Amino acid sequence: MTCPLYLFSTGTAQSLMVLDIVMVKDILTDTSLNLGKPSYLSEDMGPLLGQGIISSSGPIWAHQRKIITPELYLDKVKAMVGTIVDSTNIMVRSWETKIEGDGVISEITVDEDLRSLSADIIARVCFGSNYVEGKEIFAKLRDLIKLLSKINLGIPGYRYLPNKRNIQIWRLEKEINSKILKLVKQCQEKGSEQFLLQTILEGAKNCEGSDGLFSNSISQERFIIDNCKSIFFAGHDTTAITSTWCLILLAKYQDWQDRARAEVLEVCRDGNLDASNLRKMKTLTMVIQETLRLYSPVLFAARTTLKDYDLKGIKIPKGITIQIPIPIFQEDKDIWGVDAHEFKPERFSNGVLGSCKFPQAYMPFGIGSRVCPGQHLGMIELKVILSLILSKFRFSLSSTYCHSPTLRILIEPGHDVVLKMTKI
């Protein structure tokens, strides 16, 4: 990297690209509230993210982190394994039925099935619902993501223009908000004390507290809607996309598929898949970590200076967005070695700390205080999904597969992912 910093603009939005790993570490581990999320996340991406935990800053974000993060600690996520297994087995049985109907080999389009599975899991473990009840929300969120991925960031007032795209966005936002409130009401009537939804509802009661921190910024209803959408989006899309990339890589690298399968069958000899078994799957963990290194769902880690900010003696004015390009750091040969662009899960044999010169360069879940609160849930979902697939099927890439990573807010396969599958 020849230039560690450079300034650029998108319309009227000023951004500072940071390509120095030491600076990146300082930025991402900053625990003050002087750095927040860029305003375009809550404005241009507002119909999707609003002021939920992904996009908010300052006291609102601190309040949301305080109430949501503890519900996604590892000890609580372990209790969700049974539900995740049940949901995944439904998809696995549908694939088995298709293969039996087609003969020995069947070509299966896996990405949409994995998206539906991820939606079902996040609905069950966080809201006590299932995909049948929430499928319209997920379908409309998918349509909204496609529209928002094409918006022009940085053009003043663009999001207010009544053009065809914006009108579609406004309509979808209204429909999604209405359906979320309906789902919340249904869950309340059924009783949802054991689910994340209850925590969001309790947090909403305090978002208009007497201290006045939130009263002019976010209402109770908005708090509920925005955080439900954040969880639907972050918990649903990222897991589905990463599990798809994992299957693509395992289909291409058959030796790693065989190694991962052998480990799964050895660990689960008694047929049980629980949290203690998942912890023993070292090879599968390395595969997932390497997949996230090569195909991080998120393109940038971004922060905005809420006050004038000092970065290693460089004065950054208030209102500048700091952009950290995740793929550049995660495939930097100076950090990862000459094989940085290759799929080599063994680089994680000693964990993230032993994987490269600067562990902070590995940031698919972020690092520091704004690390993704759902990282434990995401990793357990991925392990359950992949282990159950590996234990039941052998698979390779179909000749119809076209490798085309595409940015649609998240980095995902640009075309359908079709695998040739046989039952074991």
Protein backbone atom coordinates (compact mmCIF):
# COMPACT_ATOMS: atom_id res chain seq x y z
CA MET A 1 0.00 0.00 0.00
CA THR A 2 1.71 3.17 -1.19
CA CYS A 3 -0.73 5.74 0.17
CA PRO A 4 -2.17 5.14 3.66
CA LEU A 5 -4.81 7.90 3.38
CA TYR A 6 -6.70 9.65 0.65
CA LEU A 7 -9.69 11.97 0.59
CA PHE A 8 -12.54 11.65 -1.91
CA SER A 9 -16.12 12.79 -2.28
CA THR A 10 -19.37 11.19 -3.40
CA GLY A 11 -21.59 14.10 -4.32
CA THR A 12 -21.38 16.39 -1.30
CA ALA A 13 -20.29 13.64 1.10
CA GLN A 14 -16.60 13.85 2.08
CA SER A 15 -14.83 10.57 2.89
CA LEU A 16 -11.35 9.60 4.06
CA MET A 17 -10.10 6.20 2.92
CA VAL A 18 -7.73 4.62 5.46
CA LEU A 19 -5.28 1.97 4.25
CA ASP A 20 -2.93 1.83 7.23
CA ILE A 21 -3.57 -1.10 9.56
CA VAL A 22 -2.29 0.69 12.68
CA MET A 23 -4.67 3.58 12.02
CA VAL A 24 -7.47 1.10 11.37
CA LYS A 25 -6.86 -0.54 14.73
CA ASP A 26 -7.07 2.84 16.49
CA ILE A 27 -10.29 3.76 14.71
CA LEU A 28 -12.13 0.48 15.23
CA THR A 29 -11.08 0.07 18.86
CA ASP A 30 -12.05 3.65 19.81
CA THR A 31 -14.50 3.30 22.72
CA SER A 32 -15.61 6.94 22.84
CA LEU A 33 -18.81 8.21 21.28
CA ASN A 34 -16.81 10.63 19.10
CA LEU A 35 -17.05 8.24 16.16
CA GLY A 36 -20.40 7.06 14.88
CA LYS A 37 -21.96 5.47 11.84
CA PRO A 38 -22.24 7.49 8.59
CA SER A 39 -25.44 9.46 8.16
CA TYR A 40 -26.19 7.78 4.82
CA LEU A 41 -26.98 4.56 6.71
CA SER A 42 -29.87 6.18 8.59
CA GLU A 43 -30.84 8.54 5.76
CA ASP A 44 -30.27 7.03 2.30
CA MET A 45 -30.55 3.51 3.77
CA GLY A 46 -33.17 4.67 6.26
CA PRO A 47 -36.03 2.59 4.81
CA LEU A 48 -33.97 -0.52 5.63
CA LEU A 49 -31.95 0.43 8.72
CA GLY A 50 -33.56 3.56 10.23
CA GLN A 51 -31.86 4.30 13.55
CA GLY A 52 -31.45 0.68 14.56
CA ILE A 53 -28.34 -0.76 16.17
CA ILE A 54 -26.52 -1.07 12.82
CA SER A 55 -26.85 2.57 11.78
CA SER A 56 -27.28 4.69 14.93
CA SER A 57 -24.65 6.63 16.88
CA GLY A 58 -24.11 8.22 20.26
CA PRO A 59 -26.50 7.62 23.18
CA ILE A 60 -29.16 5.92 21.03
CA TRP A 61 -26.66 3.32 19.81
CA ALA A 62 -25.21 2.84 23.31
CA HIS A 63 -28.72 2.20 24.65
CA GLN A 64 -29.49 -0.32 21.91
CA ARG A 65 -26.19 -2.15 22.36
CA LYS A 66 -26.78 -2.37 26.11
CA ILE A 67 -30.13 -4.11 25.75
CA ILE A 68 -29.62 -6.22 22.60
CA THR A 69 -26.03 -7.50 22.85
CA PRO A 70 -26.46 -9.51 26.11
CA GLU A 71 -29.29 -11.47 24.49
CA LEU A 72 -26.85 -12.70 21.86
CA TYR A 73 -24.01 -13.77 24.18
CA LEU A 74 -22.67 -17.25 23.50
CA ASP A 75 -24.35 -18.91 26.50
CA LYS A 76 -27.77 -17.79 25.28
CA VAL A 77 -27.07 -18.65 21.65
CA LYS A 78 -26.13 -22.23 22.65
CA ALA A 79 -29.72 -22.72 23.81
CA MET A 80 -30.88 -21.94 20.25
CA VAL A 81 -29.01 -24.85 18.62
CA GLY A 82 -31.98 -27.23 18.78
CA THR A 83 -34.22 -24.77 16.96
CA ILE A 84 -31.56 -24.15 14.30
CA VAL A 85 -31.14 -27.90 13.79
CA ASP A 86 -34.90 -28.41 13.41
CA SER A 87 -35.16 -25.66 10.79
CA THR A 88 -32.15 -26.93 8.84
CA ASN A 89 -33.42 -30.51 8.83
CA ILE A 90 -36.57 -29.36 7.04
CA MET A 91 -34.44 -28.00 4.17
CA VAL A 92 -32.18 -31.08 4.17
CA ARG A 93 -35.19 -33.41 3.88
CA SER A 94 -36.53 -31.37 0.96
CA TRP A 95 -33.20 -31.80 -0.84
CA GLU A 96 -33.22 -35.54 -0.12
CA THR A 97 -36.71 -35.80 -1.58
CA LYS A 98 -35.65 -33.92 -4.73
CA ILE A 99 -32.62 -36.17 -5.24
CA GLU A 100 -34.77 -39.30 -4.79
CA GLY A 101 -37.18 -37.94 -7.40
CA ASP A 102 -34.44 -37.00 -9.90
CA GLY A 103 -32.33 -40.13 -9.47
CA VAL A 104 -28.79 -40.44 -8.18
CA ILE A 105 -27.74 -36.87 -8.93
CA SER A 106 -29.79 -33.72 -8.70
CA GLU A 107 -28.95 -30.12 -9.53
CA ILE A 108 -30.22 -27.89 -6.73
CA THR A 109 -30.31 -24.11 -6.62
CA VAL A 110 -29.08 -23.65 -3.08
CA ASP A 111 -28.90 -19.90 -2.53
CA GLU A 112 -32.65 -19.26 -2.38
CA ASP A 113 -33.18 -22.30 -0.15
CA LEU A 114 -30.47 -21.04 2.19
CA ARG A 115 -32.05 -17.60 2.23
CA SER A 116 -35.41 -19.10 3.20
CA LEU A 117 -33.72 -21.26 5.85
CA SER A 118 -31.86 -18.30 7.35
CA ALA A 119 -35.11 -16.33 7.43
CA ASP A 120 -36.89 -19.16 9.22
CA ILE A 121 -34.08 -19.47 11.79
CA ILE A 122 -33.89 -15.77 12.62
CA ALA A 123 -37.68 -15.55 12.88
CA ARG A 124 -37.86 -18.53 15.24
CA VAL A 125 -34.94 -17.80 17.56
CA CYS A 126 -35.46 -14.05 17.83
CA PHE A 127 -39.20 -13.59 17.49
CA GLY A 128 -40.85 -16.92 18.25
CA SER A 129 -42.39 -16.84 14.79
CA ASN A 130 -41.62 -18.97 11.78
CA TYR A 131 -40.97 -18.30 8.11
CA VAL A 132 -44.58 -18.86 7.12
CA GLU A 133 -45.68 -15.99 9.35
CA GLY A 134 -42.79 -13.72 8.45
CA LYS A 135 -42.13 -14.63 4.81
CA GLU A 136 -43.82 -11.53 3.42
CA ILE A 137 -41.55 -9.33 5.52
CA PHE A 138 -38.44 -11.13 4.25
CA ALA A 139 -39.63 -11.05 0.64
CA LYS A 140 -40.34 -7.33 0.80
CA LEU A 141 -37.02 -6.67 2.56
CA ARG A 142 -35.28 -8.48 -0.29
CA ASP A 143 -37.06 -6.26 -2.83
CA LEU A 144 -36.14 -3.20 -0.77
CA ILE A 145 -32.46 -4.22 -0.64
CA LYS A 146 -32.36 -4.55 -4.43
CA LEU A 147 -33.78 -1.06 -4.86
CA LEU A 148 -31.56 0.55 -2.23
CA SER A 149 -28.43 -1.05 -3.71
CA LYS A 150 -28.92 1.17 -6.77
CA ILE A 151 -29.42 4.53 -5.06
CA ASN A 152 -27.04 7.43 -5.66
CA LEU A 153 -25.31 8.26 -2.38
CA GLY A 154 -24.16 11.81 -1.74
CA ILE A 155 -26.59 13.61 -4.07
CA PRO A 156 -28.46 16.16 -1.92
CA GLY A 157 -32.19 15.58 -1.78
CA TYR A 158 -32.16 12.59 -4.13
CA ARG A 159 -34.05 10.37 -1.70
CA TYR A 160 -36.93 12.87 -1.66
CA LEU A 161 -37.50 12.91 -5.43
CA PRO A 162 -40.81 11.23 -6.38
CA ASN A 163 -39.26 9.11 -9.11
CA LYS A 164 -40.29 5.52 -9.81
CA ARG A 165 -37.58 3.93 -7.66
CA ASN A 166 -38.19 6.16 -4.64
CA ILE A 167 -41.94 5.64 -4.84
CA GLN A 168 -41.36 1.88 -4.79
CA ILE A 169 -38.99 2.28 -1.81
CA TRP A 170 -41.52 4.37 0.13
CA ARG A 171 -44.29 1.86 -0.57
CA LEU A 172 -42.16 -1.09 0.53
CA GLU A 173 -41.01 0.71 3.68
CA LYS A 174 -44.60 1.44 4.68
CA GLU A 175 -45.69 -2.16 4.03
CA ILE A 176 -42.72 -3.64 5.91
CA ASN A 177 -43.23 -1.36 8.92
CA SER A 178 -46.91 -2.27 9.06
CA LYS A 179 -46.20 -6.01 8.86
CA ILE A 180 -43.52 -5.82 11.56
CA LEU A 181 -45.93 -4.11 13.94
CA LYS A 182 -48.53 -6.77 13.14
CA LEU A 183 -45.98 -9.54 13.82
CA VAL A 184 -44.96 -7.84 17.07
CA LYS A 185 -48.60 -7.73 18.18
CA GLN A 186 -49.06 -11.42 17.34
CA CYS A 187 -45.93 -12.37 19.27
CA GLN A 188 -47.07 -10.33 22.26
CA GLU A 189 -50.43 -12.09 22.27
CA LYS A 190 -48.72 -15.50 22.13
CA GLY A 191 -46.18 -14.60 24.79
CA SER A 192 -42.58 -14.06 23.70
CA GLU A 193 -40.66 -13.58 26.95
CA GLN A 194 -37.93 -15.98 25.88
CA PHE A 195 -37.20 -14.23 22.61
CA LEU A 196 -35.14 -11.21 21.59
CA LEU A 197 -38.33 -9.39 20.68
CA GLN A 198 -39.23 -9.06 24.35
CA THR A 199 -35.89 -7.37 25.00
CA ILE A 200 -36.53 -4.91 22.16
CA LEU A 201 -39.97 -4.11 23.58
CA GLU A 202 -38.50 -3.49 27.02
CA GLY A 203 -35.79 -1.29 25.52
CA ALA A 204 -38.39 0.70 23.63
CA LYS A 205 -40.10 1.63 26.90
CA ASN A 206 -36.90 3.39 27.97
CA CYS A 207 -36.08 5.11 24.69
CA GLU A 208 -38.15 8.13 25.69
CA GLY A 209 -36.82 8.35 29.22
CA SER A 210 -37.06 11.34 31.50
CA ASP A 211 -33.43 12.24 30.84
CA GLY A 212 -34.49 13.45 27.41
CA LEU A 213 -31.69 11.64 25.56
CA PHE A 214 -34.01 10.05 23.04
CA SER A 215 -37.27 11.96 23.15
CA ASN A 216 -36.47 14.13 20.15
CA SER A 217 -34.72 11.43 18.15
CA ILE A 218 -36.62 8.15 18.16
CA SER A 219 -40.07 7.04 19.26
CA GLN A 220 -40.96 3.72 20.87
CA GLU A 221 -42.63 2.48 17.70
CA ARG A 222 -39.66 3.54 15.58
CA PHE A 223 -37.26 1.87 18.02
CA ILE A 224 -39.12 -1.43 17.67
CA ILE A 225 -39.43 -1.26 13.86
CA ASP A 226 -35.84 -0.20 13.19
CA ASN A 227 -34.29 -2.84 15.43
CA CYS A 228 -36.53 -5.60 14.11
CA LYS A 229 -35.51 -4.65 10.57
CA SER A 230 -31.84 -4.53 11.58
CA ILE A 231 -32.05 -8.03 13.04
CA PHE A 232 -34.02 -9.36 10.07
CA PHE A 233 -31.47 -7.89 7.66
CA ALA A 234 -28.21 -8.58 9.51
CA GLY A 235 -29.23 -11.97 10.91
CA HIS A 236 -30.85 -13.19 7.74
CA ASP A 237 -28.91 -11.98 4.70
CA THR A 238 -25.35 -12.26 6.01
CA THR A 239 -25.76 -15.87 7.17
CA ALA A 240 -27.47 -16.95 3.96
CA ILE A 241 -24.80 -15.33 1.80
CA THR A 242 -21.88 -16.73 3.81
CA SER A 243 -23.29 -20.26 3.88
CA THR A 244 -23.68 -20.02 0.09
CA TRP A 245 -20.04 -18.94 -0.36
CA CYS A 246 -18.95 -21.78 1.95
CA LEU A 247 -20.74 -24.34 -0.19
CA ILE A 248 -19.27 -22.87 -3.36
CA LEU A 249 -15.73 -23.14 -1.97
CA LEU A 250 -16.27 -26.63 -0.56
CA ALA A 251 -17.70 -27.70 -3.92
CA LYS A 252 -14.59 -26.38 -5.65
CA TYR A 253 -12.07 -27.69 -3.13
CA GLN A 254 -13.16 -31.29 -2.72
CA ASP A 255 -10.27 -32.15 -0.38
CA TRP A 256 -11.55 -29.64 2.18
CA GLN A 257 -15.09 -30.90 1.67
CA ASP A 258 -13.90 -34.43 2.48
CA ARG A 259 -11.93 -33.25 5.52
CA ALA A 260 -14.83 -31.23 6.89
CA ARG A 261 -17.27 -34.09 6.33
CA ALA A 262 -14.97 -36.61 8.03
CA GLU A 263 -14.75 -34.32 11.05
CA VAL A 264 -18.54 -33.87 11.22
CA LEU A 265 -19.18 -37.62 11.01
CA GLU A 266 -16.52 -38.30 13.66
CA VAL A 267 -17.80 -35.65 16.08
CA CYS A 268 -21.45 -36.62 15.61
CA ARG A 269 -21.06 -40.39 15.68
CA ASP A 270 -24.05 -40.68 18.03
CA GLY A 271 -26.20 -38.67 15.63
CA ASN A 272 -26.59 -35.75 18.01
CA LEU A 273 -25.69 -32.21 17.02
CA ASP A 274 -25.48 -29.88 19.99
CA ALA A 275 -23.41 -26.92 21.18
CA SER A 276 -20.68 -29.11 22.67
CA ASN A 277 -20.24 -30.97 19.36
CA LEU A 278 -20.12 -27.74 17.38
CA ARG A 279 -17.24 -26.53 19.54
CA LYS A 280 -15.18 -29.58 18.49
CA MET A 281 -15.45 -28.85 14.76
CA LYS A 282 -12.08 -27.18 14.21
CA THR A 283 -11.81 -27.91 10.48
CA LEU A 284 -15.27 -26.57 9.76
CA THR A 285 -14.49 -23.45 11.80
CA MET A 286 -11.36 -22.86 9.71
CA VAL A 287 -13.37 -23.25 6.49
CA ILE A 288 -15.92 -20.68 7.67
CA GLN A 289 -13.23 -18.24 8.80
CA GLU A 290 -11.37 -18.49 5.50
CA THR A 291 -14.62 -18.03 3.58
CA LEU A 292 -15.37 -14.88 5.57
CA ARG A 293 -11.85 -13.65 4.84
CA LEU A 294 -12.19 -14.07 1.08
CA TYR A 295 -15.88 -13.16 0.86
CA SER A 296 -16.74 -10.80 3.67
CA PRO A 297 -20.41 -9.83 3.20
CA VAL A 298 -19.61 -6.22 4.10
CA LEU A 299 -17.46 -4.08 1.79
CA PHE A 300 -16.53 -1.26 4.18
CA ALA A 301 -16.23 -0.64 7.88
CA ALA A 302 -17.27 3.00 8.12
CA ARG A 303 -17.23 5.65 10.84
CA THR A 304 -18.18 9.32 10.87
CA THR A 305 -16.46 11.90 13.04
CA LEU A 306 -19.09 13.36 15.36
CA LYS A 307 -16.48 15.79 16.67
CA ASP A 308 -13.09 16.98 15.40
CA TYR A 309 -10.94 13.86 15.61
CA ASP A 310 -7.19 13.29 15.98
CA LEU A 311 -5.85 10.27 14.11
CA LYS A 312 -2.13 9.76 14.72
CA GLY A 313 -1.60 13.53 14.64
CA ILE A 314 -3.85 14.05 11.62
CA LYS A 315 -6.74 16.41 12.36
CA ILE A 316 -9.98 15.13 10.85
CA PRO A 317 -12.86 17.65 10.94
CA LYS A 318 -16.31 16.81 12.24
CA GLY A 319 -18.59 15.26 9.63
CA ILE A 320 -15.98 13.31 7.63
CA THR A 321 -16.78 9.66 6.90
CA ILE A 322 -13.84 7.30 7.45
CA GLN A 323 -13.94 4.33 5.09
CA ILE A 324 -12.01 1.10 5.77
CA PRO A 325 -12.10 -1.32 2.80
CA ILE A 326 -12.42 -4.76 4.36
CA PRO A 327 -11.47 -6.91 1.31
CA ILE A 328 -8.24 -4.98 0.77
CA PHE A 329 -7.04 -5.70 4.30
CA GLN A 330 -8.27 -9.29 4.30
CA GLU A 331 -6.36 -10.10 1.10
CA ASP A 332 -3.24 -7.98 1.62
CA LYS A 333 -0.16 -10.07 0.81
CA ASP A 334 1.97 -8.04 3.23
CA ILE A 335 -0.36 -9.12 6.05
CA TRP A 336 -1.45 -12.61 5.00
CA GLY A 337 1.46 -13.80 2.84
CA VAL A 338 1.93 -14.43 -0.87
CA ASP A 339 -1.01 -16.87 -0.87
CA ALA A 340 -3.44 -14.21 0.41
CA HIS A 341 -5.76 -14.65 -2.60
CA GLU A 342 -5.93 -18.43 -2.22
CA PHE A 343 -8.41 -20.55 -0.27
CA LYS A 344 -6.28 -22.00 2.53
CA PRO A 345 -8.30 -22.63 5.70
CA GLU A 346 -5.21 -24.00 7.45
CA ARG A 347 -4.02 -20.43 8.00
CA PHE A 348 -6.58 -20.34 10.85
CA SER A 349 -5.29 -23.53 12.51
CA ASN A 350 -4.12 -21.44 15.48
CA GLY A 351 -7.14 -19.15 15.45
CA VAL A 352 -7.45 -15.59 14.20
CA LEU A 353 -4.59 -14.37 16.40
CA GLY A 354 -2.17 -16.74 14.69
CA SER A 355 -3.51 -16.33 11.18
CA CYS A 356 -1.56 -13.27 10.02
CA LYS A 357 0.80 -10.46 11.03
CA PHE A 358 -2.00 -8.15 12.17
CA PRO A 359 -5.11 -9.96 13.49
CA GLN A 360 -7.00 -6.64 13.30
CA ALA A 361 -6.93 -7.04 9.51
CA TYR A 362 -9.54 -9.80 9.90
CA MET A 363 -12.81 -7.98 10.42
CA PRO A 364 -15.83 -9.72 8.83
CA PHE A 365 -17.75 -9.07 12.07
CA GLY A 366 -15.94 -5.83 12.82
CA ILE A 367 -13.76 -5.33 15.89
CA GLY A 368 -13.92 -3.20 19.00
CA SER A 369 -17.05 -1.83 20.65
CA ARG A 370 -19.06 -1.97 17.42
CA VAL A 371 -18.33 -5.63 16.72
CA CYS A 372 -21.41 -7.38 15.35
CA PRO A 373 -23.54 -8.44 18.34
CA GLY A 374 -24.82 -11.43 16.39
CA GLN A 375 -21.45 -12.96 15.56
CA HIS A 376 -21.94 -15.95 17.91
CA LEU A 377 -25.39 -16.65 16.50
CA GLY A 378 -24.04 -16.33 12.95
CA MET A 379 -21.15 -18.74 13.55
CA ILE A 380 -23.38 -21.33 15.21
CA GLU A 381 -25.93 -21.08 12.40
CA LEU A 382 -23.19 -21.59 9.82
CA LYS A 383 -21.76 -24.60 11.67
CA VAL A 384 -25.16 -26.26 12.03
CA ILE A 385 -26.18 -25.64 8.41
CA LEU A 386 -22.88 -26.80 6.92
CA SER A 387 -22.44 -29.81 9.20
CA LEU A 388 -25.92 -31.14 8.42
CA ILE A 389 -25.42 -30.64 4.67
CA LEU A 390 -21.98 -32.28 4.76
CA SER A 391 -23.30 -35.26 6.72
CA LYS A 392 -26.03 -35.95 4.15
CA PHE A 393 -24.65 -34.93 0.74
CA ARG A 394 -21.67 -34.83 -1.56
CA PHE A 395 -21.71 -31.88 -3.93
CA SER A 396 -19.85 -30.17 -6.74
CA LEU A 397 -20.41 -27.05 -8.82
CA SER A 398 -22.80 -27.31 -11.74
CA SER A 399 -21.47 -26.39 -15.16
CA THR A 400 -24.08 -23.62 -15.17
CA TYR A 401 -22.47 -21.82 -12.24
CA CYS A 402 -21.03 -18.41 -13.13
CA HIS A 403 -18.70 -16.85 -10.55
CA SER A 404 -19.70 -13.21 -10.26
CA PRO A 405 -19.49 -11.60 -6.79
CA THR A 406 -21.89 -8.66 -6.82
CA LEU A 407 -22.42 -5.77 -4.43
CA ARG A 408 -26.10 -5.40 -3.44
CA ILE A 409 -25.45 -3.60 -0.16
CA LEU A 410 -23.76 -6.90 0.78
CA ILE A 411 -21.34 -8.87 -1.41
CA GLU A 412 -23.20 -11.91 -2.73
CA PRO A 413 -23.17 -14.26 -5.74
CA GLY A 414 -24.44 -12.38 -8.76
CA HIS A 415 -26.20 -15.41 -10.25
CA ASP A 416 -28.04 -18.49 -9.01
CA VAL A 417 -25.79 -21.01 -7.28
CA VAL A 418 -26.51 -24.50 -8.60
CA LEU A 419 -24.82 -27.53 -7.06
CA LYS A 420 -24.78 -31.12 -8.29
CA MET A 421 -25.73 -33.14 -5.21
CA THR A 422 -25.85 -36.80 -4.32
CA LYS A 423 -26.94 -38.45 -1.07
CA ILE A 424 -24.33 -40.14 1.09
